Amino acid sequence: MSQLSPRHNAALIIGGAATLIPAMIMAGFMPEWDVLPATSWLAIAAIGSAVAGVIGYPRQWLRASIAGAIAGSGALVGLLL
């Protein structure tokens, strides 16, 4: 098993936080933080995961941002469904 570089660790933490926090809010674990509509939380997760993808793979920034946005928004859509 390979070790992750510090850049990949940072991307993992940012992407996880950008997806986990909106998911917990949408699931009802933090009802007092639920001040935005579901589409806003979806956008926050998509943008945060896209940024994390670019941090993890800066040379392929376009592919990484698209993959991150799909992963972040897909996680929340899966939660809703």
PDB file of N, CA and C in Angstrom:
ATOM      1  N   MET A   1       0.837  -1.174   0.000  1.00  0.00           N
ATOM      2  CA  MET A   1       0.000   0.000   0.000  1.00  0.00           C
ATOM      3  C   MET A   1       0.884   1.239   0.000  1.00  0.00           C
ATOM      4  N   SER A   2       0.586   2.165  -0.892  1.00  0.00           N
ATOM      5  CA  SER A   2       1.436   3.337  -1.030  1.00  0.00           C
ATOM      6  C   SER A   2       1.018   4.444  -0.064  1.00  0.00           C
ATOM      7  N   GLN A   3       1.984   5.246   0.273  1.00  0.00           N
ATOM      8  CA  GLN A   3       1.733   6.392   1.135  1.00  0.00           C
ATOM      9  C   GLN A   3       1.276   7.572   0.287  1.00  0.00           C
ATOM     10  N   LEU A   4       0.360   8.351   0.805  1.00  0.00           N
ATOM     11  CA  LEU A   4      -0.102   9.534   0.106  1.00  0.00           C
ATOM     12  C   LEU A   4       0.836  10.697   0.384  1.00  0.00           C
ATOM     13  N   SER A   5       0.991  11.556  -0.604  1.00  0.00           N
ATOM     14  CA  SER A   5       1.811  12.750  -0.423  1.00  0.00           C
ATOM     15  C   SER A   5       1.033  13.766   0.405  1.00  0.00           C
ATOM     16  N   PRO A   6       1.706  14.765   0.951  1.00  0.00           N
ATOM     17  CA  PRO A   6       0.988  15.800   1.712  1.00  0.00           C
ATOM     18  C   PRO A   6      -0.076  16.519   0.874  1.00  0.00           C
ATOM     19  N   ARG A   7       0.186  16.699  -0.413  1.00  0.00           N
ATOM     20  CA  ARG A   7      -0.800  17.334  -1.289  1.00  0.00           C
ATOM     21  C   ARG A   7      -2.048  16.477  -1.405  1.00  0.00           C
ATOM     22  N   HIS A   8      -1.866  15.164  -1.551  1.00  0.00           N
ATOM     23  CA  HIS A   8      -3.018  14.271  -1.647  1.00  0.00           C
ATOM     24  C   HIS A   8      -3.766  14.178  -0.322  1.00  0.00           C
ATOM     25  N   ASN A   9      -3.037  14.224   0.787  1.00  0.00           N
ATOM     26  CA  ASN A   9      -3.699  14.231   2.097  1.00  0.00           C
ATOM     27  C   ASN A   9      -4.549  15.481   2.272  1.00  0.00           C
ATOM     28  N   ALA A  10      -4.023  16.636   1.855  1.00  0.00           N
ATOM     29  CA  ALA A  10      -4.789  17.881   1.949  1.00  0.00           C
ATOM     30  C   ALA A  10      -6.031  17.809   1.070  1.00  0.00           C
ATOM     31  N   ALA A  11      -5.891  17.275  -0.131  1.00  0.00           N
ATOM     32  CA  ALA A  11      -7.040  17.142  -1.029  1.00  0.00           C
ATOM     33  C   ALA A  11      -8.087  16.200  -0.439  1.00  0.00           C
ATOM     34  N   LEU A  12      -7.653  15.143   0.189  1.00  0.00           N
ATOM     35  CA  LEU A  12      -8.578  14.197   0.813  1.00  0.00           C
ATOM     36  C   LEU A  12      -9.353  14.844   1.958  1.00  0.00           C
ATOM     37  N   ILE A  13      -8.664  15.623   2.773  1.00  0.00           N
ATOM     38  CA  ILE A  13      -9.321  16.291   3.900  1.00  0.00           C
ATOM     39  C   ILE A  13     -10.299  17.352   3.404  1.00  0.00           C
ATOM     40  N   ILE A  14      -9.886  18.152   2.427  1.00  0.00           N
ATOM     41  CA  ILE A  14     -10.758  19.207   1.905  1.00  0.00           C
ATOM     42  C   ILE A  14     -11.972  18.604   1.212  1.00  0.00           C
ATOM     43  N   GLY A  15     -11.759  17.597   0.383  1.00  0.00           N
ATOM     44  CA  GLY A  15     -12.871  16.957  -0.307  1.00  0.00           C
ATOM     45  C   GLY A  15     -13.818  16.259   0.644  1.00  0.00           C
ATOM     46  N   GLY A  16     -13.264  15.628   1.660  1.00  0.00           N
ATOM     47  CA  GLY A  16     -14.113  14.965   2.648  1.00  0.00           C
ATOM     48  C   GLY A  16     -14.942  15.947   3.443  1.00  0.00           C
ATOM     49  N   ALA A  17     -14.335  17.045   3.859  1.00  0.00           N
ATOM     50  CA  ALA A  17     -15.073  18.053   4.623  1.00  0.00           C
ATOM     51  C   ALA A  17     -16.117  18.743   3.754  1.00  0.00           C
ATOM     52  N   ALA A  18     -15.759  19.009   2.489  1.00  0.00           N
ATOM     53  CA  ALA A  18     -16.694  19.689   1.594  1.00  0.00           C
ATOM     54  C   ALA A  18     -17.897  18.821   1.269  1.00  0.00           C
ATOM     55  N   THR A  19     -17.763  17.528   1.391  1.00  0.00           N
ATOM     56  CA  THR A  19     -18.879  16.625   1.120  1.00  0.00           C
ATOM     57  C   THR A  19     -19.580  16.203   2.407  1.00  0.00           C
ATOM     58  N   LEU A  20     -18.827  15.933   3.442  1.00  0.00           N
ATOM     59  CA  LEU A  20     -19.396  15.399   4.674  1.00  0.00           C
ATOM     60  C   LEU A  20     -20.270  16.413   5.415  1.00  0.00           C
ATOM     61  N   ILE A  21     -19.823  17.642   5.513  1.00  0.00           N
ATOM     62  CA  ILE A  21     -20.586  18.638   6.263  1.00  0.00           C
ATOM     63  C   ILE A  21     -21.940  18.929   5.605  1.00  0.00           C
ATOM     64  N   PRO A  22     -21.989  19.207   4.274  1.00  0.00           N
ATOM     65  CA  PRO A  22     -23.319  19.378   3.667  1.00  0.00           C
ATOM     66  C   PRO A  22     -24.191  18.124   3.742  1.00  0.00           C
ATOM     67  N   ALA A  23     -23.567  16.955   3.662  1.00  0.00           N
ATOM     68  CA  ALA A  23     -24.340  15.716   3.759  1.00  0.00           C
ATOM     69  C   ALA A  23     -24.969  15.568   5.140  1.00  0.00           C
ATOM     70  N   MET A  24     -24.220  15.903   6.177  1.00  0.00           N
ATOM     71  CA  MET A  24     -24.765  15.823   7.530  1.00  0.00           C
ATOM     72  C   MET A  24     -25.877  16.839   7.741  1.00  0.00           C
ATOM     73  N   ILE A  25     -25.724  18.015   7.150  1.00  0.00           N
ATOM     74  CA  ILE A  25     -26.763  19.035   7.277  1.00  0.00           C
ATOM     75  C   ILE A  25     -28.029  18.593   6.545  1.00  0.00           C
ATOM     76  N   MET A  26     -27.863  18.070   5.335  1.00  0.00           N
ATOM     77  CA  MET A  26     -29.031  17.640   4.561  1.00  0.00           C
ATOM     78  C   MET A  26     -29.714  16.429   5.168  1.00  0.00           C
ATOM     79  N   ALA A  27     -28.946  15.588   5.863  1.00  0.00           N
ATOM     80  CA  ALA A  27     -29.527  14.399   6.486  1.00  0.00           C
ATOM     81  C   ALA A  27     -30.248  14.724   7.787  1.00  0.00           C
ATOM     82  N   GLY A  28     -30.055  15.920   8.311  1.00  0.00           N
ATOM     83  CA  GLY A  28     -30.752  16.313   9.525  1.00  0.00           C
ATOM     84  C   GLY A  28     -29.959  16.170  10.805  1.00  0.00           C
ATOM     85  N   PHE A  29     -28.659  15.923  10.704  1.00  0.00           N
ATOM     86  CA  PHE A  29     -27.841  15.793  11.907  1.00  0.00           C
ATOM     87  C   PHE A  29     -27.530  17.145  12.540  1.00  0.00           C
ATOM     88  N   MET A  30     -27.571  18.212  11.731  1.00  0.00           N
ATOM     89  CA  MET A  30     -27.327  19.558  12.234  1.00  0.00           C
ATOM     90  C   MET A  30     -28.479  20.462  11.778  1.00  0.00           C
ATOM     91  N   PRO A  31     -29.652  20.347  12.390  1.00  0.00           N
ATOM     92  CA  PRO A  31     -30.820  21.086  11.891  1.00  0.00           C
ATOM     93  C   PRO A  31     -30.693  22.598  12.034  1.00  0.00           C
ATOM     94  N   GLU A  32     -29.936  23.073  13.015  1.00  0.00           N
ATOM     95  CA  GLU A  32     -29.813  24.519  13.181  1.00  0.00           C
ATOM     96  C   GLU A  32     -28.923  25.153  12.113  1.00  0.00           C
ATOM     97  N   TRP A  33     -28.142  24.346  11.391  1.00  0.00           N
ATOM     98  CA  TRP A  33     -27.297  24.858  10.311  1.00  0.00           C
ATOM     99  C   TRP A  33     -28.013  24.809   8.970  1.00  0.00           C
ATOM    100  N   ASP A  34     -29.178  24.225   8.910  1.00  0.00           N
ATOM    101  CA  ASP A  34     -29.888  24.051   7.642  1.00  0.00           C
ATOM    102  C   ASP A  34     -30.588  25.355   7.262  1.00  0.00           C
ATOM    103  N   VAL A  35     -29.816  26.296   6.734  1.00  0.00           N
ATOM    104  CA  VAL A  35     -30.350  27.611   6.378  1.00  0.00           C
ATOM    105  C   VAL A  35     -30.368  27.829   4.868  1.00  0.00           C
ATOM    106  N   LEU A  36     -29.848  26.891   4.100  1.00  0.00           N
ATOM    107  CA  LEU A  36     -29.809  27.008   2.649  1.00  0.00           C
ATOM    108  C   LEU A  36     -30.653  25.912   2.010  1.00  0.00           C
ATOM    109  N   PRO A  37     -31.122  26.129   0.792  1.00  0.00           N
ATOM    110  CA  PRO A  37     -31.844  25.055   0.105  1.00  0.00           C
ATOM    111  C   PRO A  37     -30.888  23.927  -0.296  1.00  0.00           C
ATOM    112  N   ALA A  38     -31.461  22.802  -0.657  1.00  0.00           N
ATOM    113  CA  ALA A  38     -30.659  21.615  -0.983  1.00  0.00           C
ATOM    114  C   ALA A  38     -29.741  21.855  -2.176  1.00  0.00           C
ATOM    115  N   THR A  39     -30.176  22.653  -3.137  1.00  0.00           N
ATOM    116  CA  THR A  39     -29.318  22.911  -4.302  1.00  0.00           C
ATOM    117  C   THR A  39     -28.067  23.689  -3.922  1.00  0.00           C
ATOM    118  N   SER A  40     -28.160  24.533  -2.911  1.00  0.00           N
ATOM    119  CA  SER A  40     -26.977  25.272  -2.455  1.00  0.00           C
ATOM    120  C   SER A  40     -25.977  24.343  -1.788  1.00  0.00           C
ATOM    121  N   TRP A  41     -26.464  23.420  -0.975  1.00  0.00           N
ATOM    122  CA  TRP A  41     -25.569  22.449  -0.354  1.00  0.00           C
ATOM    123  C   TRP A  41     -24.930  21.552  -1.409  1.00  0.00           C
ATOM    124  N   LEU A  42     -25.695  21.234  -2.434  1.00  0.00           N
ATOM    125  CA  LEU A  42     -25.165  20.442  -3.542  1.00  0.00           C
ATOM    126  C   LEU A  42     -24.057  21.207  -4.266  1.00  0.00           C
ATOM    127  N   ALA A  43     -24.258  22.494  -4.485  1.00  0.00           N
ATOM    128  CA  ALA A  43     -23.242  23.312  -5.139  1.00  0.00           C
ATOM    129  C   ALA A  43     -21.993  23.458  -4.275  1.00  0.00           C
ATOM    130  N   ILE A  44     -22.178  23.602  -2.971  1.00  0.00           N
ATOM    131  CA  ILE A  44     -21.033  23.708  -2.065  1.00  0.00           C
ATOM    132  C   ILE A  44     -20.203  22.431  -2.104  1.00  0.00           C
ATOM    133  N   ALA A  45     -20.864  21.283  -2.082  1.00  0.00           N
ATOM    134  CA  ALA A  45     -20.143  20.011  -2.141  1.00  0.00           C
ATOM    135  C   ALA A  45     -19.434  19.837  -3.478  1.00  0.00           C
ATOM    136  N   ALA A  46     -20.084  20.231  -4.560  1.00  0.00           N
ATOM    137  CA  ALA A  46     -19.478  20.084  -5.881  1.00  0.00           C
ATOM    138  C   ALA A  46     -18.263  20.995  -6.035  1.00  0.00           C
ATOM    139  N   ILE A  47     -18.388  22.243  -5.609  1.00  0.00           N
ATOM    140  CA  ILE A  47     -17.273  23.182  -5.746  1.00  0.00           C
ATOM    141  C   ILE A  47     -16.117  22.790  -4.825  1.00  0.00           C
ATOM    142  N   GLY A  48     -16.423  22.422  -3.595  1.00  0.00           N
ATOM    143  CA  GLY A  48     -15.367  22.013  -2.670  1.00  0.00           C
ATOM    144  C   GLY A  48     -14.639  20.767  -3.125  1.00  0.00           C
ATOM    145  N   SER A  49     -15.359  19.805  -3.664  1.00  0.00           N
ATOM    146  CA  SER A  49     -14.721  18.587  -4.162  1.00  0.00           C
ATOM    147  C   SER A  49     -13.945  18.853  -5.449  1.00  0.00           C
ATOM    148  N   ALA A  50     -14.421  19.787  -6.272  1.00  0.00           N
ATOM    149  CA  ALA A  50     -13.670  20.159  -7.474  1.00  0.00           C
ATOM    150  C   ALA A  50     -12.351  20.820  -7.095  1.00  0.00           C
ATOM    151  N   VAL A  51     -12.369  21.680  -6.098  1.00  0.00           N
ATOM    152  CA  VAL A  51     -11.137  22.313  -5.622  1.00  0.00           C
ATOM    153  C   VAL A  51     -10.193  21.261  -5.052  1.00  0.00           C
ATOM    154  N   ALA A  52     -10.733  20.315  -4.319  1.00  0.00           N
ATOM    155  CA  ALA A  52      -9.900  19.241  -3.768  1.00  0.00           C
ATOM    156  C   ALA A  52      -9.281  18.404  -4.878  1.00  0.00           C
ATOM    157  N   GLY A  53     -10.023  18.154  -5.938  1.00  0.00           N
ATOM    158  CA  GLY A  53      -9.472  17.419  -7.060  1.00  0.00           C
ATOM    159  C   GLY A  53      -8.330  18.151  -7.725  1.00  0.00           C
ATOM    160  N   VAL A  54      -8.464  19.460  -7.865  1.00  0.00           N
ATOM    161  CA  VAL A  54      -7.394  20.254  -8.472  1.00  0.00           C
ATOM    162  C   VAL A  54      -6.171  20.305  -7.565  1.00  0.00           C
ATOM    163  N   ILE A  55      -6.386  20.346  -6.262  1.00  0.00           N
ATOM    164  CA  ILE A  55      -5.249  20.319  -5.335  1.00  0.00           C
ATOM    165  C   ILE A  55      -4.520  18.980  -5.436  1.00  0.00           C
ATOM    166  N   GLY A  56      -5.268  17.915  -5.565  1.00  0.00           N
ATOM    167  CA  GLY A  56      -4.657  16.589  -5.632  1.00  0.00           C
ATOM    168  C   GLY A  56      -3.921  16.324  -6.931  1.00  0.00           C
ATOM    169  N   TYR A  57      -4.443  16.819  -8.030  1.00  0.00           N
ATOM    170  CA  TYR A  57      -3.851  16.575  -9.346  1.00  0.00           C
ATOM    171  C   TYR A  57      -3.789  17.873 -10.141  1.00  0.00           C
ATOM    172  N   PRO A  58      -2.835  18.760  -9.829  1.00  0.00           N
ATOM    173  CA  PRO A  58      -2.815  20.076 -10.475  1.00  0.00           C
ATOM    174  C   PRO A  58      -2.449  20.044 -11.957  1.00  0.00           C
ATOM    175  N   ARG A  59      -1.717  19.052 -12.414  1.00  0.00           N
ATOM    176  CA  ARG A  59      -1.339  19.003 -13.830  1.00  0.00           C
ATOM    177  C   ARG A  59      -2.511  18.656 -14.726  1.00  0.00           C
ATOM    178  N   GLN A  60      -3.482  17.942 -14.193  1.00  0.00           N
ATOM    179  CA  GLN A  60      -4.687  17.582 -14.943  1.00  0.00           C
ATOM    180  C   GLN A  60      -5.878  18.287 -14.299  1.00  0.00           C
ATOM    181  N   TRP A  61      -5.798  19.602 -14.223  1.00  0.00           N
ATOM    182  CA  TRP A  61      -6.755  20.371 -13.434  1.00  0.00           C
ATOM    183  C   TRP A  61      -8.166  20.283 -13.994  1.00  0.00           C
ATOM    184  N   LEU A  62      -8.322  20.215 -15.293  1.00  0.00           N
ATOM    185  CA  LEU A  62      -9.671  20.166 -15.851  1.00  0.00           C
ATOM    186  C   LEU A  62     -10.348  18.835 -15.526  1.00  0.00           C
ATOM    187  N   ARG A  63      -9.636  17.748 -15.764  1.00  0.00           N
ATOM    188  CA  ARG A  63     -10.190  16.430 -15.440  1.00  0.00           C
ATOM    189  C   ARG A  63     -10.443  16.274 -13.949  1.00  0.00           C
ATOM    190  N   ALA A  64      -9.509  16.775 -13.144  1.00  0.00           N
ATOM    191  CA  ALA A  64      -9.651  16.643 -11.695  1.00  0.00           C
ATOM    192  C   ALA A  64     -10.828  17.452 -11.164  1.00  0.00           C
ATOM    193  N   SER A  65     -11.041  18.628 -11.728  1.00  0.00           N
ATOM    194  CA  SER A  65     -12.161  19.435 -11.253  1.00  0.00           C
ATOM    195  C   SER A  65     -13.500  18.823 -11.660  1.00  0.00           C
ATOM    196  N   ILE A  66     -13.574  18.280 -12.858  1.00  0.00           N
ATOM    197  CA  ILE A  66     -14.819  17.634 -13.290  1.00  0.00           C
ATOM    198  C   ILE A  66     -15.096  16.387 -12.455  1.00  0.00           C
ATOM    199  N   ALA A  67     -14.067  15.579 -12.237  1.00  0.00           N
ATOM    200  CA  ALA A  67     -14.242  14.361 -11.438  1.00  0.00           C
ATOM    201  C   ALA A  67     -14.605  14.693  -9.999  1.00  0.00           C
ATOM    202  N   GLY A  68     -13.985  15.719  -9.431  1.00  0.00           N
ATOM    203  CA  GLY A  68     -14.311  16.122  -8.071  1.00  0.00           C
ATOM    204  C   GLY A  68     -15.729  16.631  -7.945  1.00  0.00           C
ATOM    205  N   ALA A  69     -16.158  17.433  -8.915  1.00  0.00           N
ATOM    206  CA  ALA A  69     -17.521  17.957  -8.878  1.00  0.00           C
ATOM    207  C   ALA A  69     -18.546  16.834  -8.995  1.00  0.00           C
ATOM    208  N   ILE A  70     -18.275  15.865  -9.851  1.00  0.00           N
ATOM    209  CA  ILE A  70     -19.189  14.730  -9.993  1.00  0.00           C
ATOM    210  C   ILE A  70     -19.215  13.896  -8.713  1.00  0.00           C
ATOM    211  N   ALA A  71     -18.053  13.700  -8.100  1.00  0.00           N
ATOM    212  CA  ALA A  71     -18.002  12.899  -6.876  1.00  0.00           C
ATOM    213  C   ALA A  71     -18.717  13.594  -5.720  1.00  0.00           C
ATOM    214  N   GLY A  72     -18.487  14.889  -5.562  1.00  0.00           N
ATOM    215  CA  GLY A  72     -19.128  15.610  -4.472  1.00  0.00           C
ATOM    216  C   GLY A  72     -20.622  15.719  -4.611  1.00  0.00           C
ATOM    217  N   SER A  73     -21.068  16.064  -5.806  1.00  0.00           N
ATOM    218  CA  SER A  73     -22.509  16.183  -6.014  1.00  0.00           C
ATOM    219  C   SER A  73     -23.179  14.806  -6.053  1.00  0.00           C
ATOM    220  N   GLY A  74     -22.466  13.823  -6.567  1.00  0.00           N
ATOM    221  CA  GLY A  74     -23.020  12.464  -6.593  1.00  0.00           C
ATOM    222  C   GLY A  74     -23.243  11.893  -5.212  1.00  0.00           C
ATOM    223  N   ALA A  75     -22.375  12.241  -4.277  1.00  0.00           N
ATOM    224  CA  ALA A  75     -22.544  11.760  -2.911  1.00  0.00           C
ATOM    225  C   ALA A  75     -23.815  12.334  -2.291  1.00  0.00           C
ATOM    226  N   LEU A  76     -24.079  13.616  -2.528  1.00  0.00           N
ATOM    227  CA  LEU A  76     -25.280  14.214  -1.958  1.00  0.00           C
ATOM    228  C   LEU A  76     -26.549  13.763  -2.681  1.00  0.00           C
ATOM    229  N   VAL A  77     -26.468  13.582  -3.980  1.00  0.00           N
ATOM    230  CA  VAL A  77     -27.632  13.067  -4.705  1.00  0.00           C
ATOM    231  C   VAL A  77     -27.947  11.651  -4.232  1.00  0.00           C
ATOM    232  N   GLY A  78     -26.927  10.858  -4.019  1.00  0.00           N
ATOM    233  CA  GLY A  78     -27.142   9.514  -3.485  1.00  0.00           C
ATOM    234  C   GLY A  78     -27.768   9.543  -2.103  1.00  0.00           C
ATOM    235  N   LEU A  79     -27.398  10.516  -1.297  1.00  0.00           N
ATOM    236  CA  LEU A  79     -28.007  10.660   0.016  1.00  0.00           C
ATOM    237  C   LEU A  79     -29.485  11.029  -0.103  1.00  0.00           C
ATOM    238  N   LEU A  80     -29.790  11.921  -1.033  1.00  0.00           N
ATOM    239  CA  LEU A  80     -31.189  12.331  -1.208  1.00  0.00           C
ATOM    240  C   LEU A  80     -32.058  11.197  -1.742  1.00  0.00           C
ATOM    241  N   LEU A  81     -31.496  10.414  -2.641  1.00  0.00           N
ATOM    242  CA  LEU A  81     -32.281   9.338  -3.232  1.00  0.00           C
ATOM    243  C   LEU A  81     -32.418   8.181  -2.271  1.00  0.00           C
TER     244      LEU A  81
END
